[in-house]
Protein backbone atom coordinates (compact mmCIF):
# COMPACT_ATOMS: atom_id res chain seq x y z
CA MET A 1 -94.25 69.18 94.00
CA LEU A 2 -90.86 67.87 94.99
CA ARG A 3 -87.72 68.79 93.10
CA PHE A 4 -84.24 67.30 93.10
CA GLY A 5 -82.10 68.28 96.07
CA GLN A 6 -84.77 68.23 98.77
CA ARG A 7 -84.05 66.72 102.17
CA LYS A 8 -84.66 63.00 102.66
CA GLY A 9 -87.43 63.53 105.18
CA ALA A 10 -89.29 65.80 102.78
CA ALA A 11 -88.83 63.37 99.92
CA LEU A 12 -90.24 60.46 101.87
CA SER A 13 -93.26 62.48 102.96
CA GLN A 14 -94.71 62.71 99.45
CA ALA A 15 -96.27 59.89 97.42
CA GLY A 16 -94.54 58.93 94.21
CA THR A 17 -91.07 60.19 95.16
CA ARG A 18 -87.82 58.28 95.50
CA SER A 19 -85.06 59.13 97.96
CA ARG A 20 -81.38 58.44 97.33
CA ARG A 21 -80.23 54.84 96.97
CA ASP A 22 -76.68 53.60 97.03
CA GLY A 23 -77.21 51.06 94.25
CA PRO A 24 -76.42 51.44 90.55
CA LEU A 25 -78.06 54.22 88.56
CA THR A 26 -79.71 52.41 85.66
CA GLY A 27 -81.23 53.83 82.49
CA LEU A 28 -84.20 51.92 81.04
CA LEU A 29 -84.69 52.01 77.28
CA GLY A 30 -87.83 50.17 76.28
CA GLY A 31 -88.95 49.21 72.82
CA SER A 32 -89.76 46.45 70.38
CA PHE A 33 -86.20 46.51 68.91
CA ASN A 34 -87.71 45.29 65.65
CA PRO A 35 -84.80 45.25 64.90
CA ALA A 36 -82.24 46.87 67.18
CA HIS A 37 -79.76 49.08 65.32
CA ALA A 38 -76.76 51.33 65.82
CA GLY A 39 -79.03 54.24 66.76
CA HIS A 40 -80.12 52.42 69.94
CA ARG A 41 -76.49 51.91 70.90
CA ARG A 42 -75.56 55.51 70.15
CA ILE A 43 -78.40 56.86 72.28
CA SER A 44 -77.40 54.55 75.12
CA LEU A 45 -73.71 55.49 75.02
CA PHE A 46 -74.65 59.16 74.97
CA THR A 47 -77.00 58.92 77.97
CA LEU A 48 -74.51 56.79 79.91
CA GLN A 49 -72.08 59.69 79.74
CA ALA A 50 -74.53 62.61 79.88
CA LEU A 51 -76.28 61.33 83.02
CA ALA A 52 -73.34 59.46 84.57
CA LEU A 53 -75.32 56.21 84.51
CA ASP A 54 -73.80 52.97 85.68
CA GLU A 55 -75.55 50.98 82.96
CA VAL A 56 -78.48 50.92 80.56
CA TRP A 57 -81.01 48.10 80.30
CA TRP A 58 -82.67 47.51 76.94
CA LEU A 59 -86.18 46.26 77.73
CA VAL A 60 -87.07 44.20 74.67
CA SER A 61 -90.86 44.17 74.76
CA PRO A 62 -92.79 40.98 74.00
CA GLY A 63 -95.44 43.30 72.50
CA ASN A 64 -96.37 46.98 72.45
CA PRO A 65 -100.05 47.86 73.12
CA LEU A 66 -99.69 50.95 70.88
CA LYS A 67 -98.24 49.06 67.91
CA SER A 68 -99.67 46.51 65.51
CA ARG A 69 -98.35 42.95 65.75
CA GLU A 70 -98.19 42.83 61.95
CA GLY A 71 -94.56 42.75 60.88
CA MET A 72 -93.32 42.07 64.41
CA ALA A 73 -90.47 39.57 64.40
CA PRO A 74 -90.28 36.79 67.02
CA LEU A 75 -88.93 37.87 70.38
CA GLY A 76 -85.83 35.68 70.01
CA ALA A 77 -84.78 37.41 66.78
CA ARG A 78 -85.37 40.86 68.22
CA PHE A 79 -83.48 39.93 71.38
CA ARG A 80 -80.49 38.61 69.40
CA SER A 81 -80.42 41.76 67.27
CA ALA A 82 -80.25 43.80 70.49
CA GLN A 83 -77.39 41.67 71.80
CA ALA A 84 -75.55 42.08 68.49
CA HIS A 85 -75.70 45.87 68.76
CA SER A 86 -75.14 46.29 72.51
CA GLY A 87 -71.58 44.99 72.15
CA LYS A 88 -69.32 45.25 75.18
CA ALA A 89 -70.76 48.53 76.41
CA SER A 90 -72.45 48.92 79.81
CA ILE A 91 -75.71 47.72 78.28
CA LYS A 92 -77.78 44.72 79.37
CA VAL A 93 -80.44 43.22 77.13
CA THR A 94 -83.48 41.83 78.90
CA ALA A 95 -87.01 40.60 78.21
CA ILE A 96 -87.87 40.75 81.89
CA GLU A 97 -91.44 41.88 81.16
CA ARG A 98 -92.30 38.28 80.23
CA GLU A 99 -91.22 37.14 83.67
CA LEU A 100 -92.89 40.06 85.43
CA GLY A 101 -96.13 39.42 83.57
CA THR A 102 -96.67 43.12 82.92
CA ARG A 103 -98.49 44.52 79.92
CA PHE A 104 -98.02 48.28 80.23
CA THR A 105 -94.97 50.42 80.97
CA VAL A 106 -96.35 51.82 84.23
CA ASP A 107 -96.77 48.28 85.60
CA THR A 108 -93.30 47.26 84.41
CA LEU A 109 -91.61 50.21 86.10
CA ARG A 110 -93.44 49.63 89.36
CA ALA A 111 -92.50 45.95 89.29
CA LEU A 112 -88.84 46.77 88.59
CA THR A 113 -88.59 49.20 91.50
CA ARG A 114 -90.07 46.54 93.78
CA ARG A 115 -87.80 43.79 92.48
CA PHE A 116 -84.62 45.90 92.58
CA PRO A 117 -85.13 48.20 95.58
CA ARG A 118 -81.45 49.22 95.76
CA ARG A 119 -81.29 50.46 92.18
CA ARG A 120 -82.13 53.93 90.97
CA PHE A 121 -83.88 53.94 87.60
CA VAL A 122 -84.26 56.56 84.90
CA TRP A 123 -86.73 56.09 82.05
CA LEU A 124 -85.21 56.93 78.65
CA MET A 125 -87.36 57.88 75.69
CA GLY A 126 -87.06 59.62 72.35
CA ALA A 127 -88.89 62.83 71.54
CA ASP A 128 -91.19 60.78 69.28
CA ASN A 129 -92.46 58.90 72.33
CA LEU A 130 -92.89 62.10 74.33
CA ALA A 131 -95.13 63.44 71.54
CA GLN A 132 -97.64 60.64 72.25
CA PHE A 133 -96.77 59.96 75.89
CA HIS A 134 -100.21 61.22 76.97
CA ARG A 135 -101.71 58.16 75.26
CA TRP A 136 -99.81 55.76 77.53
CA LYS A 137 -101.67 54.14 80.41
CA ASN A 138 -101.24 56.20 83.62
CA TRP A 139 -98.50 58.32 82.08
CA ARG A 140 -98.43 60.72 85.03
CA ALA A 141 -97.84 57.74 87.32
CA ILE A 142 -94.85 56.80 85.15
CA ALA A 143 -93.46 60.31 85.61
CA ARG A 144 -93.95 60.07 89.36
CA GLU A 145 -92.26 56.67 89.51
CA MET A 146 -88.84 57.77 88.21
CA PRO A 147 -87.09 60.61 86.34
CA ILE A 148 -87.56 60.73 82.57
CA ALA A 149 -84.77 61.63 80.15
CA VAL A 150 -85.93 62.63 76.66
CA ILE A 151 -83.50 62.33 73.75
CA ALA A 152 -83.93 64.45 70.63
CA ARG A 153 -85.23 62.67 67.52
CA PRO A 154 -85.26 64.18 64.00
CA GLY A 155 -88.59 65.74 63.08
CA TYR A 156 -90.30 65.17 66.44
CA ASP A 157 -89.21 68.17 68.53
CA ALA A 158 -92.15 70.38 67.57
CA ASN A 159 -94.74 67.69 68.29
CA ALA A 160 -93.07 66.81 71.58
CA LEU A 161 -93.01 70.43 72.76
CA ALA A 162 -96.68 70.86 71.87
CA SER A 163 -97.84 67.61 73.45
CA PRO A 164 -100.21 67.44 76.45
CA ALA A 165 -97.56 65.49 78.38
CA MET A 166 -94.98 68.23 77.87
CA ALA A 167 -97.46 70.84 79.08
CA TRP A 168 -97.57 68.96 82.39
CA LEU A 169 -93.90 67.89 82.56
CA ARG A 170 -92.20 71.18 81.68
CA ARG A 171 -92.56 72.44 85.26
CA TYR A 172 -90.27 69.58 86.34
CA ARG A 173 -87.43 70.30 83.91
CA LEU A 174 -84.00 69.53 85.26
CA SER A 175 -80.57 70.00 83.70
CA ALA A 176 -78.33 67.00 83.10
CA ALA A 177 -75.66 68.69 85.22
CA ARG A 178 -77.96 68.84 88.24
CA PHE A 179 -79.08 65.28 87.69
CA ARG A 180 -75.49 64.06 87.76
CA ASN A 181 -75.27 65.28 91.36
CA ARG A 182 -75.76 62.03 93.25
CA GLY A 183 -77.45 63.74 96.20
CA GLU A 184 -81.10 63.45 97.18
CA TRP A 185 -83.38 63.11 94.19
CA SER A 186 -87.03 62.51 93.44
CA ALA A 187 -89.60 62.39 90.66
CA PRO A 188 -91.27 63.82 88.62
CA ALA A 189 -88.23 65.17 86.78
CA LEU A 190 -87.69 65.78 83.06
CA ILE A 191 -84.17 65.89 81.64
CA GLU A 192 -83.93 66.98 78.01
CA LEU A 193 -80.85 65.71 76.17
CA ARG A 194 -79.77 67.12 72.83
CA PHE A 195 -77.07 65.69 70.61
CA ASP A 196 -76.57 64.89 66.94
CA PRO A 197 -79.27 62.22 66.58
CA ASP A 198 -78.92 59.09 64.51
CA PRO A 199 -81.35 59.15 61.54
CA ARG A 200 -81.58 55.36 61.32
CA SER A 201 -84.83 53.67 62.29
CA ALA A 202 -86.16 50.15 62.61
CA THR A 203 -88.87 51.00 60.08
CA SER A 204 -86.37 51.88 57.36
CA ILE A 205 -84.35 48.72 58.10
CA ARG A 206 -87.46 46.55 57.71
CA GLU A 207 -88.36 48.30 54.46
CA GLN A 208 -84.90 47.66 53.05
CA ASP A 209 -84.72 44.07 54.33
CA PRO A 210 -88.11 42.51 55.12
CA ASP A 211 -86.37 39.22 56.00
CA TRP A 212 -83.88 40.73 58.45
CA ALA A 213 -85.02 38.40 61.24
CA ASP A 214 -83.73 35.35 59.34
CA GLY A 215 -80.21 36.49 60.18
CA TYR A 216 -80.93 36.30 63.90
CA SER A 217 -82.19 32.75 64.23
CA GLY A 218 -80.53 30.21 66.46
CA THR A 219 -80.59 28.70 69.92
CA PRO A 220 -82.56 30.52 72.62
CA PRO A 221 -80.57 33.53 73.91
CA ARG A 222 -80.05 34.11 77.61
CA ASP A 223 -81.56 37.13 79.36
CA GLU A 224 -78.75 39.33 80.67
CA VAL A 225 -80.70 40.43 83.78
CA THR A 226 -82.74 37.39 84.80
CA HIS A 227 -80.34 34.83 83.20
CA SER A 228 -83.29 32.80 81.93
CA LEU A 229 -83.48 31.46 78.37
CA ILE A 230 -85.67 33.34 75.90
CA HIS A 231 -87.94 30.84 74.16
CA ASP A 232 -90.19 31.98 71.35
CA ARG A 233 -93.88 31.22 71.59
CA HIS A 234 -96.53 31.12 68.91
CA ARG A 235 -98.33 33.97 70.62
CA GLU A 236 -96.39 36.44 72.73
CA PRO A 237 -98.09 38.21 75.64
CA GLY A 238 -98.27 42.01 75.54
CA ALA A 239 -95.89 44.22 77.50
């Protein structure tokens, strides 16, 4: 399989690889953000520096096929909570999956690479997601679509290392230092990032304040990538 640093001709000769682009290098952090919190921001600021990213997009999902809809706040409230925590950093909050009409991550990533052909994307996930990554639809296709950066999460390292996905991905390990070299690059590639993780979680916030979403009501927010207004619906489509 291809590794980073191969010649352009070799990269283009294999399916599922991406040659160098001159556009921005963008990290994609997907999730329900139910609600967003300082941990999301801290992870994003860390990866911006560790991988020399130009920006990070927070993909606020209309719905997660692996999670129950029970307890899920309206998209508008979750979106506003993300905007409140992104601040003035190089972070854009988007619910672009509604516009793309995609239900699963693999379809979203493929649609994004088609819609933004000049950008280079990196999928960002916590070790908790890597532990169950093998349950995601076409997870190997996700890995072949773009590099994956995994960020340490408390209590999940052992499960992530023992997961079926890690058994397949470990052959494509790549250091952050090599990734920062803006030469030719391709996927699959796995970059493991370790730093002092933030113990906060959306679950604990909801347990402490079940009515947190009431503080994020208001006029429809504007998507920071598509610039469209985010209107809540009675039933949100999956993402």
